[in-house]
PDB file of N, CA and C in Angstrom:
ATOM      1  N   MET A   1     -94.315  18.417  33.445  1.00  0.00           N
ATOM      2  CA  MET A   1     -93.167  18.172  34.706  1.00  0.00           C
ATOM      3  C   MET A   1     -91.825  18.054  33.918  1.00  0.00           C
ATOM      4  N   ALA A   2     -90.937  18.644  34.441  1.00  0.00           N
ATOM      5  CA  ALA A   2     -89.835  18.442  33.934  1.00  0.00           C
ATOM      6  C   ALA A   2     -89.065  17.089  33.722  1.00  0.00           C
ATOM      7  N   PRO A   3     -88.368  16.569  32.981  1.00  0.00           N
ATOM      8  CA  PRO A   3     -87.738  15.241  33.115  1.00  0.00           C
ATOM      9  C   PRO A   3     -86.507  15.244  34.492  1.00  0.00           C
ATOM     10  N   SER A   4     -85.747  14.411  35.117  1.00  0.00           N
ATOM     11  CA  SER A   4     -85.163  14.287  36.192  1.00  0.00           C
ATOM     12  C   SER A   4     -83.855  13.950  35.804  1.00  0.00           C
ATOM     13  N   ILE A   5     -82.770  14.247  36.756  1.00  0.00           N
ATOM     14  CA  ILE A   5     -81.213  13.920  36.565  1.00  0.00           C
ATOM     15  C   ILE A   5     -81.165  12.866  37.583  1.00  0.00           C
ATOM     16  N   LYS A   6     -80.032  12.382  37.532  1.00  0.00           N
ATOM     17  CA  LYS A   6     -79.796  10.895  38.298  1.00  0.00           C
ATOM     18  C   LYS A   6     -78.175  11.740  39.097  1.00  0.00           C
ATOM     19  N   ASP A   7     -77.505  12.641  38.486  1.00  0.00           N
ATOM     20  CA  ASP A   7     -76.167  12.976  39.015  1.00  0.00           C
ATOM     21  C   ASP A   7     -75.840  14.241  38.331  1.00  0.00           C
ATOM     22  N   PHE A   8     -74.991  15.183  38.915  1.00  0.00           N
ATOM     23  CA  PHE A   8     -74.587  16.729  38.134  1.00  0.00           C
ATOM     24  C   PHE A   8     -72.954  16.618  38.574  1.00  0.00           C
ATOM     25  N   LYS A   9     -71.970  16.902  37.710  1.00  0.00           N
ATOM     26  CA  LYS A   9     -70.991  16.944  37.820  1.00  0.00           C
ATOM     27  C   LYS A   9     -70.163  17.825  36.822  1.00  0.00           C
ATOM     28  N   VAL A  10     -69.406  18.757  37.267  1.00  0.00           N
ATOM     29  CA  VAL A  10     -69.160  19.651  36.712  1.00  0.00           C
ATOM     30  C   VAL A  10     -67.554  19.386  36.413  1.00  0.00           C
ATOM     31  N   TYR A  11     -66.985  19.864  35.386  1.00  0.00           N
ATOM     32  CA  TYR A  11     -65.678  19.805  34.901  1.00  0.00           C
ATOM     33  C   TYR A  11     -64.641  21.022  35.003  1.00  0.00           C
ATOM     34  N   MET A  12     -63.662  20.839  36.220  1.00  0.00           N
ATOM     35  CA  MET A  12     -62.810  21.768  35.914  1.00  0.00           C
ATOM     36  C   MET A  12     -61.295  21.901  35.397  1.00  0.00           C
ATOM     37  N   PRO A  13     -61.162  23.107  35.652  1.00  0.00           N
ATOM     38  CA  PRO A  13     -60.034  23.110  34.424  1.00  0.00           C
ATOM     39  C   PRO A  13     -58.541  22.965  35.387  1.00  0.00           C
ATOM     40  N   ALA A  14     -57.502  22.496  34.668  1.00  0.00           N
ATOM     41  CA  ALA A  14     -56.326  22.104  35.282  1.00  0.00           C
ATOM     42  C   ALA A  14     -55.128  22.843  34.542  1.00  0.00           C
ATOM     43  N   LYS A  15     -54.563  23.643  34.801  1.00  0.00           N
ATOM     44  CA  LYS A  15     -53.338  24.111  34.267  1.00  0.00           C
ATOM     45  C   LYS A  15     -52.489  23.419  33.994  1.00  0.00           C
ATOM     46  N   ASP A  16     -51.709  22.853  35.296  1.00  0.00           N
ATOM     47  CA  ASP A  16     -50.463  21.386  35.278  1.00  0.00           C
ATOM     48  C   ASP A  16     -51.607  20.242  35.884  1.00  0.00           C
ATOM     49  N   PHE A  17     -51.904  19.515  35.255  1.00  0.00           N
ATOM     50  CA  PHE A  17     -52.726  18.608  35.760  1.00  0.00           C
ATOM     51  C   PHE A  17     -52.163  17.581  36.625  1.00  0.00           C
ATOM     52  N   GLU A  18     -50.908  17.287  36.842  1.00  0.00           N
ATOM     53  CA  GLU A  18     -50.345  16.619  37.597  1.00  0.00           C
ATOM     54  C   GLU A  18     -50.405  17.629  39.105  1.00  0.00           C
ATOM     55  N   LEU A  19     -50.084  18.687  39.223  1.00  0.00           N
ATOM     56  CA  LEU A  19     -50.037  19.247  40.183  1.00  0.00           C
ATOM     57  C   LEU A  19     -51.591  19.701  40.773  1.00  0.00           C
ATOM     58  N   SER A  20     -52.485  19.951  39.616  1.00  0.00           N
ATOM     59  CA  SER A  20     -53.666  19.728  40.269  1.00  0.00           C
ATOM     60  C   SER A  20     -54.594  18.621  41.270  1.00  0.00           C
ATOM     61  N   GLN A  21     -53.549  17.600  40.525  1.00  0.00           N
ATOM     62  CA  GLN A  21     -54.416  16.281  41.371  1.00  0.00           C
ATOM     63  C   GLN A  21     -53.224  15.991  42.447  1.00  0.00           C
ATOM     64  N   ARG A  22     -52.414  16.638  42.342  1.00  0.00           N
ATOM     65  CA  ARG A  22     -51.818  16.471  43.800  1.00  0.00           C
ATOM     66  C   ARG A  22     -52.549  17.218  44.806  1.00  0.00           C
ATOM     67  N   PHE A  23     -52.838  18.741  44.714  1.00  0.00           N
ATOM     68  CA  PHE A  23     -53.403  19.918  45.548  1.00  0.00           C
ATOM     69  C   PHE A  23     -54.472  18.819  45.675  1.00  0.00           C
ATOM     70  N   TYR A  24     -55.569  18.754  45.397  1.00  0.00           N
ATOM     71  CA  TYR A  24     -56.774  17.884  45.681  1.00  0.00           C
ATOM     72  C   TYR A  24     -56.864  17.024  46.228  1.00  0.00           C
ATOM     73  N   ALA A  25     -55.815  16.030  45.958  1.00  0.00           N
ATOM     74  CA  ALA A  25     -55.594  14.607  46.727  1.00  0.00           C
ATOM     75  C   ALA A  25     -55.070  15.145  48.458  1.00  0.00           C
ATOM     76  N   ALA A  26     -54.681  16.138  48.376  1.00  0.00           N
ATOM     77  CA  ALA A  26     -53.679  16.657  49.404  1.00  0.00           C
ATOM     78  C   ALA A  26     -54.859  17.463  50.590  1.00  0.00           C
ATOM     79  N   LEU A  27     -55.714  17.730  49.716  1.00  0.00           N
ATOM     80  CA  LEU A  27     -57.179  18.668  50.529  1.00  0.00           C
ATOM     81  C   LEU A  27     -58.310  17.271  51.271  1.00  0.00           C
ATOM     82  N   GLY A  28     -58.041  16.036  50.463  1.00  0.00           N
ATOM     83  CA  GLY A  28     -58.863  15.085  50.872  1.00  0.00           C
ATOM     84  C   GLY A  28     -59.368  14.405  49.961  1.00  0.00           C
ATOM     85  N   PHE A  29     -59.651  14.877  48.940  1.00  0.00           N
ATOM     86  CA  PHE A  29     -60.078  14.302  47.897  1.00  0.00           C
ATOM     87  C   PHE A  29     -59.586  12.821  47.308  1.00  0.00           C
ATOM     88  N   THR A  30     -60.470  11.870  47.279  1.00  0.00           N
ATOM     89  CA  THR A  30     -59.884  10.663  46.236  1.00  0.00           C
ATOM     90  C   THR A  30     -60.173  10.588  45.076  1.00  0.00           C
ATOM     91  N   LEU A  31     -59.268  10.260  44.203  1.00  0.00           N
ATOM     92  CA  LEU A  31     -59.240  10.516  43.173  1.00  0.00           C
ATOM     93  C   LEU A  31     -59.115   9.127  41.993  1.00  0.00           C
ATOM     94  N   SER A  32     -60.171   9.162  40.725  1.00  0.00           N
ATOM     95  CA  SER A  32     -60.150   7.968  40.335  1.00  0.00           C
ATOM     96  C   SER A  32     -60.147   8.349  38.374  1.00  0.00           C
ATOM     97  N   LYS A  33     -59.568   7.575  37.828  1.00  0.00           N
ATOM     98  CA  LYS A  33     -59.784   7.597  36.575  1.00  0.00           C
ATOM     99  C   LYS A  33     -60.854   8.123  36.091  1.00  0.00           C
ATOM    100  N   GLY A  34     -61.309   9.224  35.159  1.00  0.00           N
ATOM    101  CA  GLY A  34     -62.081   9.668  34.127  1.00  0.00           C
ATOM    102  C   GLY A  34     -62.309   8.985  33.024  1.00  0.00           C
ATOM    103  N   PHE A  35     -62.697   9.567  32.277  1.00  0.00           N
ATOM    104  CA  PHE A  35     -62.874   9.068  30.727  1.00  0.00           C
ATOM    105  C   PHE A  35     -61.595  10.123  30.275  1.00  0.00           C
ATOM    106  N   GLY A  36     -60.913   9.517  28.969  1.00  0.00           N
ATOM    107  CA  GLY A  36     -59.828  10.744  28.254  1.00  0.00           C
ATOM    108  C   GLY A  36     -58.749  11.046  29.335  1.00  0.00           C
ATOM    109  N   ASP A  37     -59.089  12.229  29.180  1.00  0.00           N
ATOM    110  CA  ASP A  37     -57.656  12.697  30.153  1.00  0.00           C
ATOM    111  C   ASP A  37     -58.441  13.630  31.220  1.00  0.00           C
ATOM    112  N   THR A  38     -59.113  13.022  31.804  1.00  0.00           N
ATOM    113  CA  THR A  38     -59.252  13.644  33.286  1.00  0.00           C
ATOM    114  C   THR A  38     -59.261  12.650  34.332  1.00  0.00           C
ATOM    115  N   VAL A  39     -59.918  12.987  35.820  1.00  0.00           N
ATOM    116  CA  VAL A  39     -59.963  12.183  36.772  1.00  0.00           C
ATOM    117  C   VAL A  39     -61.026  12.799  37.599  1.00  0.00           C
ATOM    118  N   ASP A  40     -61.553  11.963  38.111  1.00  0.00           N
ATOM    119  CA  ASP A  40     -62.750  12.522  38.989  1.00  0.00           C
ATOM    120  C   ASP A  40     -62.135  12.501  40.080  1.00  0.00           C
ATOM    121  N   CYS A  41     -62.817  13.516  41.120  1.00  0.00           N
ATOM    122  CA  CYS A  41     -62.534  14.172  42.977  1.00  0.00           C
ATOM    123  C   CYS A  41     -63.400  14.069  43.367  1.00  0.00           C
ATOM    124  N   GLU A  42     -63.705  13.000  44.555  1.00  0.00           N
ATOM    125  CA  GLU A  42     -65.007  12.514  45.618  1.00  0.00           C
ATOM    126  C   GLU A  42     -64.242  13.105  46.998  1.00  0.00           C
ATOM    127  N   LEU A  43     -65.061  13.957  47.539  1.00  0.00           N
ATOM    128  CA  LEU A  43     -65.284  13.802  49.143  1.00  0.00           C
ATOM    129  C   LEU A  43     -66.442  13.813  49.539  1.00  0.00           C
ATOM    130  N   ASN A  44     -66.780  12.891  50.653  1.00  0.00           N
ATOM    131  CA  ASN A  44     -68.066  12.957  51.169  1.00  0.00           C
ATOM    132  C   ASN A  44     -69.081  12.538  50.222  1.00  0.00           C
ATOM    133  N   GLY A  45     -68.727  12.014  49.115  1.00  0.00           N
ATOM    134  CA  GLY A  45     -70.039  11.823  48.146  1.00  0.00           C
ATOM    135  C   GLY A  45     -70.496  12.838  46.917  1.00  0.00           C
ATOM    136  N   PHE A  46     -69.404  13.883  47.164  1.00  0.00           N
ATOM    137  CA  PHE A  46     -69.606  14.906  46.463  1.00  0.00           C
ATOM    138  C   PHE A  46     -68.278  14.869  45.003  1.00  0.00           C
ATOM    139  N   ARG A  47     -68.615  15.184  43.896  1.00  0.00           N
ATOM    140  CA  ARG A  47     -67.574  14.967  43.379  1.00  0.00           C
ATOM    141  C   ARG A  47     -67.666  15.734  41.817  1.00  0.00           C
ATOM    142  N   PHE A  48     -66.628  15.978  41.189  1.00  0.00           N
ATOM    143  CA  PHE A  48     -66.213  16.930  39.873  1.00  0.00           C
ATOM    144  C   PHE A  48     -65.058  16.041  39.541  1.00  0.00           C
ATOM    145  N   ARG A  49     -65.033  16.723  38.111  1.00  0.00           N
ATOM    146  CA  ARG A  49     -64.006  16.021  37.050  1.00  0.00           C
ATOM    147  C   ARG A  49     -63.086  16.940  36.546  1.00  0.00           C
ATOM    148  N   LEU A  50     -61.687  16.659  36.859  1.00  0.00           N
ATOM    149  CA  LEU A  50     -60.650  17.402  36.806  1.00  0.00           C
ATOM    150  C   LEU A  50     -60.074  17.398  35.474  1.00  0.00           C
ATOM    151  N   GLN A  51     -59.999  18.139  34.953  1.00  0.00           N
ATOM    152  CA  GLN A  51     -59.696  17.888  32.752  1.00  0.00           C
ATOM    153  C   GLN A  51     -58.376  17.891  32.775  1.00  0.00           C
ATOM    154  N   ASN A  52     -57.707  17.539  32.290  1.00  0.00           N
ATOM    155  CA  ASN A  52     -56.246  18.178  31.408  1.00  0.00           C
ATOM    156  C   ASN A  52     -56.473  19.291  30.232  1.00  0.00           C
ATOM    157  N   TYR A  53     -57.079  20.599  30.879  1.00  0.00           N
ATOM    158  CA  TYR A  53     -57.562  21.352  30.120  1.00  0.00           C
ATOM    159  C   TYR A  53     -57.686  22.611  30.790  1.00  0.00           C
ATOM    160  N   TYR A  54     -57.376  23.762  30.509  1.00  0.00           N
ATOM    161  CA  TYR A  54     -57.243  24.986  30.591  1.00  0.00           C
ATOM    162  C   TYR A  54     -57.298  25.966  29.615  1.00  0.00           C
ATOM    163  N   VAL A  55     -57.865  27.307  30.174  1.00  0.00           N
ATOM    164  CA  VAL A  55     -58.327  28.469  29.244  1.00  0.00           C
ATOM    165  C   VAL A  55     -57.979  29.336  30.500  1.00  0.00           C
ATOM    166  N   LYS A  56     -57.428  30.222  30.600  1.00  0.00           N
ATOM    167  CA  LYS A  56     -56.683  31.244  31.554  1.00  0.00           C
ATOM    168  C   LYS A  56     -58.199  31.956  31.856  1.00  0.00           C
ATOM    169  N   ASP A  57     -59.098  32.530  30.991  1.00  0.00           N
ATOM    170  CA  ASP A  57     -60.183  33.085  31.480  1.00  0.00           C
ATOM    171  C   ASP A  57     -60.923  32.751  32.085  1.00  0.00           C
ATOM    172  N   TRP A  58     -61.204  31.296  31.563  1.00  0.00           N
ATOM    173  CA  TRP A  58     -62.090  30.549  32.196  1.00  0.00           C
ATOM    174  C   TRP A  58     -62.150  29.708  34.048  1.00  0.00           C
ATOM    175  N   ALA A  59     -60.599  29.755  33.726  1.00  0.00           N
ATOM    176  CA  ALA A  59     -60.204  29.181  35.152  1.00  0.00           C
ATOM    177  C   ALA A  59     -60.149  30.277  36.078  1.00  0.00           C
ATOM    178  N   GLU A  60     -60.091  31.402  36.026  1.00  0.00           N
ATOM    179  CA  GLU A  60     -59.870  32.312  36.634  1.00  0.00           C
ATOM    180  C   GLU A  60     -61.406  32.841  37.121  1.00  0.00           C
ATOM    181  N   ASN A  61     -62.448  32.457  36.312  1.00  0.00           N
ATOM    182  CA  ASN A  61     -63.398  32.677  36.470  1.00  0.00           C
ATOM    183  C   ASN A  61     -64.594  31.895  37.033  1.00  0.00           C
ATOM    184  N   PHE A  62     -63.847  30.736  37.275  1.00  0.00           N
ATOM    185  CA  PHE A  62     -64.679  29.255  37.477  1.00  0.00           C
ATOM    186  C   PHE A  62     -64.837  29.639  39.441  1.00  0.00           C
ATOM    187  N   MET A  63     -65.714  29.094  39.515  1.00  0.00           N
ATOM    188  CA  MET A  63     -65.742  29.489  41.458  1.00  0.00           C
ATOM    189  C   MET A  63     -66.757  28.225  41.570  1.00  0.00           C
ATOM    190  N   VAL A  64     -66.602  27.349  43.057  1.00  0.00           N
ATOM    191  CA  VAL A  64     -66.715  26.028  43.570  1.00  0.00           C
ATOM    192  C   VAL A  64     -67.372  26.794  45.001  1.00  0.00           C
ATOM    193  N   VAL A  65     -68.838  26.465  45.375  1.00  0.00           N
ATOM    194  CA  VAL A  65     -68.872  27.030  46.652  1.00  0.00           C
ATOM    195  C   VAL A  65     -68.884  25.492  47.215  1.00  0.00           C
ATOM    196  N   MET A  66     -68.697  25.453  48.872  1.00  0.00           N
ATOM    197  CA  MET A  66     -68.692  24.116  49.450  1.00  0.00           C
ATOM    198  C   MET A  66     -69.194  24.537  50.672  1.00  0.00           C
ATOM    199  N   PRO A  67     -70.493  24.191  51.062  1.00  0.00           N
ATOM    200  CA  PRO A  67     -71.094  24.494  52.438  1.00  0.00           C
ATOM    201  C   PRO A  67     -70.395  23.207  53.349  1.00  0.00           C
ATOM    202  N   VAL A  68     -69.627  23.811  54.507  1.00  0.00           N
ATOM    203  CA  VAL A  68     -69.129  23.113  55.557  1.00  0.00           C
ATOM    204  C   VAL A  68     -69.269  22.848  56.830  1.00  0.00           C
ATOM    205  N   ASP A  69     -68.913  22.355  57.938  1.00  0.00           N
ATOM    206  CA  ASP A  69     -69.100  22.304  59.001  1.00  0.00           C
ATOM    207  C   ASP A  69     -68.563  23.535  59.703  1.00  0.00           C
ATOM    208  N   ASP A  70     -67.228  23.782  59.529  1.00  0.00           N
ATOM    209  CA  ASP A  70     -66.225  24.407  60.179  1.00  0.00           C
ATOM    210  C   ASP A  70     -65.448  25.439  59.153  1.00  0.00           C
ATOM    211  N   VAL A  71     -65.398  26.479  58.868  1.00  0.00           N
ATOM    212  CA  VAL A  71     -64.603  27.280  58.245  1.00  0.00           C
ATOM    213  C   VAL A  71     -63.219  27.176  58.683  1.00  0.00           C
ATOM    214  N   GLU A  72     -62.999  27.583  59.932  1.00  0.00           N
ATOM    215  CA  GLU A  72     -61.310  27.534  60.538  1.00  0.00           C
ATOM    216  C   GLU A  72     -60.935  26.305  60.284  1.00  0.00           C
ATOM    217  N   GLU A  73     -61.263  25.052  60.600  1.00  0.00           N
ATOM    218  CA  GLU A  73     -60.626  23.855  60.493  1.00  0.00           C
ATOM    219  C   GLU A  73     -60.548  23.661  59.157  1.00  0.00           C
ATOM    220  N   TRP A  74     -61.195  24.021  58.289  1.00  0.00           N
ATOM    221  CA  TRP A  74     -60.661  24.104  56.705  1.00  0.00           C
ATOM    222  C   TRP A  74     -59.563  25.334  56.786  1.00  0.00           C
ATOM    223  N   HIS A  75     -59.600  26.516  56.847  1.00  0.00           N
ATOM    224  CA  HIS A  75     -58.577  27.095  57.103  1.00  0.00           C
ATOM    225  C   HIS A  75     -57.196  26.796  57.255  1.00  0.00           C
ATOM    226  N   ARG A  76     -57.211  26.171  58.812  1.00  0.00           N
ATOM    227  CA  ARG A  76     -56.294  25.064  59.227  1.00  0.00           C
ATOM    228  C   ARG A  76     -56.084  24.392  57.885  1.00  0.00           C
ATOM    229  N   HIS A  77     -56.473  23.267  57.474  1.00  0.00           N
ATOM    230  CA  HIS A  77     -56.011  22.406  56.729  1.00  0.00           C
ATOM    231  C   HIS A  77     -55.445  22.972  55.548  1.00  0.00           C
ATOM    232  N   ALA A  78     -56.239  24.022  54.743  1.00  0.00           N
ATOM    233  CA  ALA A  78     -55.633  24.424  53.494  1.00  0.00           C
ATOM    234  C   ALA A  78     -54.490  24.734  53.949  1.00  0.00           C
ATOM    235  N   LEU A  79     -54.256  25.562  54.595  1.00  0.00           N
ATOM    236  CA  LEU A  79     -52.501  26.373  54.889  1.00  0.00           C
ATOM    237  C   LEU A  79     -51.777  25.335  55.099  1.00  0.00           C
ATOM    238  N   ARG A  80     -51.871  23.962  55.753  1.00  0.00           N
ATOM    239  CA  ARG A  80     -50.965  23.154  55.950  1.00  0.00           C
ATOM    240  C   ARG A  80     -51.043  22.525  54.638  1.00  0.00           C
ATOM    241  N   VAL A  81     -51.902  22.029  53.921  1.00  0.00           N
ATOM    242  CA  VAL A  81     -51.710  21.400  52.537  1.00  0.00           C
ATOM    243  C   VAL A  81     -50.522  22.454  51.626  1.00  0.00           C
ATOM    244  N   LYS A  82     -50.896  24.129  51.577  1.00  0.00           N
ATOM    245  CA  LYS A  82     -50.147  24.814  50.545  1.00  0.00           C
ATOM    246  C   LYS A  82     -48.902  25.039  51.107  1.00  0.00           C
ATOM    247  N   GLU A  83     -48.583  24.525  53.038  1.00  0.00           N
ATOM    248  CA  GLU A  83     -46.664  24.971  53.223  1.00  0.00           C
ATOM    249  C   GLU A  83     -46.526  23.369  53.198  1.00  0.00           C
ATOM    250  N   SER A  84     -46.995  22.595  52.796  1.00  0.00           N
ATOM    251  CA  SER A  84     -46.475  20.848  52.811  1.00  0.00           C
ATOM    252  C   SER A  84     -45.369  20.926  51.369  1.00  0.00           C
ATOM    253  N   GLY A  85     -45.511  22.435  50.781  1.00  0.00           N
ATOM    254  CA  GLY A  85     -44.625  22.547  49.562  1.00  0.00           C
ATOM    255  C   GLY A  85     -44.954  21.658  48.334  1.00  0.00           C
ATOM    256  N   GLY A  86     -44.718  22.781  46.952  1.00  0.00           N
ATOM    257  CA  GLY A  86     -45.305  22.350  45.709  1.00  0.00           C
ATOM    258  C   GLY A  86     -46.164  22.862  45.407  1.00  0.00           C
ATOM    259  N   PHE A  87     -46.975  23.980  46.069  1.00  0.00           N
ATOM    260  CA  PHE A  87     -47.855  24.311  46.104  1.00  0.00           C
ATOM    261  C   PHE A  87     -47.690  25.802  46.183  1.00  0.00           C
ATOM    262  N   ASP A  88     -47.036  26.459  45.478  1.00  0.00           N
ATOM    263  CA  ASP A  88     -46.757  27.939  45.609  1.00  0.00           C
ATOM    264  C   ASP A  88     -47.597  29.403  44.539  1.00  0.00           C
ATOM    265  N   THR A  89     -48.578  28.611  43.964  1.00  0.00           N
ATOM    266  CA  THR A  89     -49.501  29.253  43.528  1.00  0.00           C
ATOM    267  C   THR A  89     -50.759  29.487  44.048  1.00  0.00           C
ATOM    268  N   VAL A  90     -50.769  28.451  45.023  1.00  0.00           N
ATOM    269  CA  VAL A  90     -52.030  28.425  46.204  1.00  0.00           C
ATOM    270  C   VAL A  90     -52.408  29.508  46.943  1.00  0.00           C
ATOM    271  N   ARG A  91     -53.281  30.072  47.004  1.00  0.00           N
ATOM    272  CA  ARG A  91     -53.735  31.162  47.772  1.00  0.00           C
ATOM    273  C   ARG A  91     -54.691  30.754  48.872  1.00  0.00           C
ATOM    274  N   VAL A  92     -54.510  31.035  50.117  1.00  0.00           N
ATOM    275  CA  VAL A  92     -54.969  30.550  51.119  1.00  0.00           C
ATOM    276  C   VAL A  92     -55.702  32.123  51.803  1.00  0.00           C
ATOM    277  N   MET A  93     -56.940  32.497  51.912  1.00  0.00           N
ATOM    278  CA  MET A  93     -57.269  33.811  52.164  1.00  0.00           C
ATOM    279  C   MET A  93     -57.227  33.508  53.794  1.00  0.00           C
ATOM    280  N   PRO A  94     -57.332  34.539  54.899  1.00  0.00           N
ATOM    281  CA  PRO A  94     -58.394  34.648  56.143  1.00  0.00           C
ATOM    282  C   PRO A  94     -59.870  34.042  55.914  1.00  0.00           C
ATOM    283  N   PRO A  95     -60.260  33.406  56.968  1.00  0.00           N
ATOM    284  CA  PRO A  95     -62.199  33.545  56.842  1.00  0.00           C
ATOM    285  C   PRO A  95     -62.309  34.655  57.267  1.00  0.00           C
ATOM    286  N   GLU A  96     -63.178  34.996  56.552  1.00  0.00           N
ATOM    287  CA  GLU A  96     -64.250  36.345  56.583  1.00  0.00           C
ATOM    288  C   GLU A  96     -65.468  36.216  57.519  1.00  0.00           C
ATOM    289  N   THR A  97     -66.209  36.752  58.166  1.00  0.00           N
ATOM    290  CA  THR A  97     -67.749  37.188  58.624  1.00  0.00           C
ATOM    291  C   THR A  97     -68.486  37.705  57.837  1.00  0.00           C
ATOM    292  N   VAL A  98     -69.576  37.235  57.063  1.00  0.00           N
ATOM    293  CA  VAL A  98     -70.302  37.958  56.033  1.00  0.00           C
ATOM    294  C   VAL A  98     -71.761  37.925  56.653  1.00  0.00           C
ATOM    295  N   GLU A  99     -72.435  39.258  56.697  1.00  0.00           N
ATOM    296  CA  GLU A  99     -73.404  39.590  57.502  1.00  0.00           C
ATOM    297  C   GLU A  99     -73.722  38.950  58.797  1.00  0.00           C
ATOM    298  N   LYS A 100     -72.871  39.185  59.516  1.00  0.00           N
ATOM    299  CA  LYS A 100     -72.810  38.104  60.956  1.00  0.00           C
ATOM    300  C   LYS A 100     -73.341  36.717  61.523  1.00  0.00           C
ATOM    301  N   GLU A 101     -73.195  36.375  60.439  1.00  0.00           N
ATOM    302  CA  GLU A 101     -73.845  34.637  60.426  1.00  0.00           C
ATOM    303  C   GLU A 101     -73.295  33.718  59.617  1.00  0.00           C
ATOM    304  N   TRP A 102     -72.518  34.426  58.739  1.00  0.00           N
ATOM    305  CA  TRP A 102     -72.180  33.285  57.552  1.00  0.00           C
ATOM    306  C   TRP A 102     -70.327  33.554  57.635  1.00  0.00           C
ATOM    307  N   SER A 103     -69.734  32.658  57.870  1.00  0.00           N
ATOM    308  CA  SER A 103     -68.303  32.437  57.866  1.00  0.00           C
ATOM    309  C   SER A 103     -67.680  32.023  56.521  1.00  0.00           C
ATOM    310  N   VAL A 104     -66.646  32.686  55.798  1.00  0.00           N
ATOM    311  CA  VAL A 104     -66.749  32.284  54.469  1.00  0.00           C
ATOM    312  C   VAL A 104     -65.014  32.316  53.996  1.00  0.00           C
ATOM    313  N   LEU A 105     -64.518  31.213  53.616  1.00  0.00           N
ATOM    314  CA  LEU A 105     -62.878  30.835  53.309  1.00  0.00           C
ATOM    315  C   LEU A 105     -62.836  30.590  52.098  1.00  0.00           C
ATOM    316  N   HIS A 106     -61.843  31.543  51.428  1.00  0.00           N
ATOM    317  CA  HIS A 106     -61.761  31.636  49.778  1.00  0.00           C
ATOM    318  C   HIS A 106     -59.681  31.104  49.723  1.00  0.00           C
ATOM    319  N   VAL A 107     -60.023  29.846  48.581  1.00  0.00           N
ATOM    320  CA  VAL A 107     -58.776  29.226  48.723  1.00  0.00           C
ATOM    321  C   VAL A 107     -58.832  29.553  47.036  1.00  0.00           C
ATOM    322  N   ILE A 108     -57.557  29.774  46.780  1.00  0.00           N
ATOM    323  CA  ILE A 108     -57.251  30.026  45.334  1.00  0.00           C
ATOM    324  C   ILE A 108     -56.784  28.661  44.684  1.00  0.00           C
ATOM    325  N   ASP A 109     -56.821  27.864  44.100  1.00  0.00           N
ATOM    326  CA  ASP A 109     -56.142  26.331  43.302  1.00  0.00           C
ATOM    327  C   ASP A 109     -55.172  26.986  42.351  1.00  0.00           C
ATOM    328  N   PRO A 110     -54.195  25.897  41.958  1.00  0.00           N
ATOM    329  CA  PRO A 110     -53.147  25.937  41.106  1.00  0.00           C
ATOM    330  C   PRO A 110     -53.453  26.552  39.732  1.00  0.00           C
ATOM    331  N   SER A 111     -54.605  26.154  39.371  1.00  0.00           N
ATOM    332  CA  SER A 111     -54.550  26.881  38.169  1.00  0.00           C
ATOM    333  C   SER A 111     -56.030  28.438  38.284  1.00  0.00           C
ATOM    334  N   GLY A 112     -56.168  28.756  39.372  1.00  0.00           N
ATOM    335  CA  GLY A 112     -56.517  30.073  39.428  1.00  0.00           C
ATOM    336  C   GLY A 112     -58.299  30.076  39.834  1.00  0.00           C
ATOM    337  N   VAL A 113     -58.663  28.375  40.003  1.00  0.00           N
ATOM    338  CA  VAL A 113     -60.006  28.509  40.413  1.00  0.00           C
ATOM    339  C   VAL A 113     -60.180  28.830  42.068  1.00  0.00           C
ATOM    340  N   LEU A 114     -61.529  29.486  42.103  1.00  0.00           N
ATOM    341  CA  LEU A 114     -61.647  30.592  43.529  1.00  0.00           C
ATOM    342  C   LEU A 114     -62.442  28.873  43.864  1.00  0.00           C
ATOM    343  N   LEU A 115     -61.938  28.541  45.128  1.00  0.00           N
ATOM    344  CA  LEU A 115     -62.763  27.675  46.114  1.00  0.00           C
ATOM    345  C   LEU A 115     -63.238  28.260  47.034  1.00  0.00           C
ATOM    346  N   VAL A 116     -64.849  28.181  47.257  1.00  0.00           N
ATOM    347  CA  VAL A 116     -65.620  28.762  48.580  1.00  0.00           C
ATOM    348  C   VAL A 116     -65.810  27.974  49.455  1.00  0.00           C
ATOM    349  N   PHE A 117     -65.280  28.034  51.042  1.00  0.00           N
ATOM    350  CA  PHE A 117     -66.262  27.434  51.897  1.00  0.00           C
ATOM    351  C   PHE A 117     -66.805  28.269  52.575  1.00  0.00           C
ATOM    352  N   VAL A 118     -68.287  27.790  52.663  1.00  0.00           N
ATOM    353  CA  VAL A 118     -69.216  28.720  53.402  1.00  0.00           C
ATOM    354  C   VAL A 118     -69.679  27.946  54.500  1.00  0.00           C
ATOM    355  N   GLN A 119     -69.655  28.669  55.821  1.00  0.00           N
ATOM    356  CA  GLN A 119     -70.445  27.656  57.128  1.00  0.00           C
ATOM    357  C   GLN A 119     -71.030  28.861  57.521  1.00  0.00           C
TER     358      GLN A 119
END
C-alpha cells in the first residue's frame, strides 16, 4: 500500500507578481503570504501557490482545470474583472459546449497560464 498525502498544492508562475496577485484577488481568491517570494491563493478550500518566478515556455504550457457549477456565471465574472482595468493581457474566451454535456470556459491569466472552467 502506498503512503498517503495530506495536501497537494501547485506552484503557479507569475510574470508580473503584483499584477497576478491583483488578478486572482479580483477573481475572488483570498491571498495570504506564503514563504519566500510566494503567495497562497485560496477559493472555497482549494488553493495554489503563486510564485514570483516566470519562464515563458513553462507559463504558456501551464493549465489549471477547475470544475464549477456555472460556466456562464464565471464567464460574466471574468469579463467584469478584465474590464475593471489593468488586466490588458488577460483573455476571456466565450464558453464552449463540448460533446453536448460539457461547458468549458478558457481564461488566460496575466502570465499566459490557461485557466479552464468546466461545468
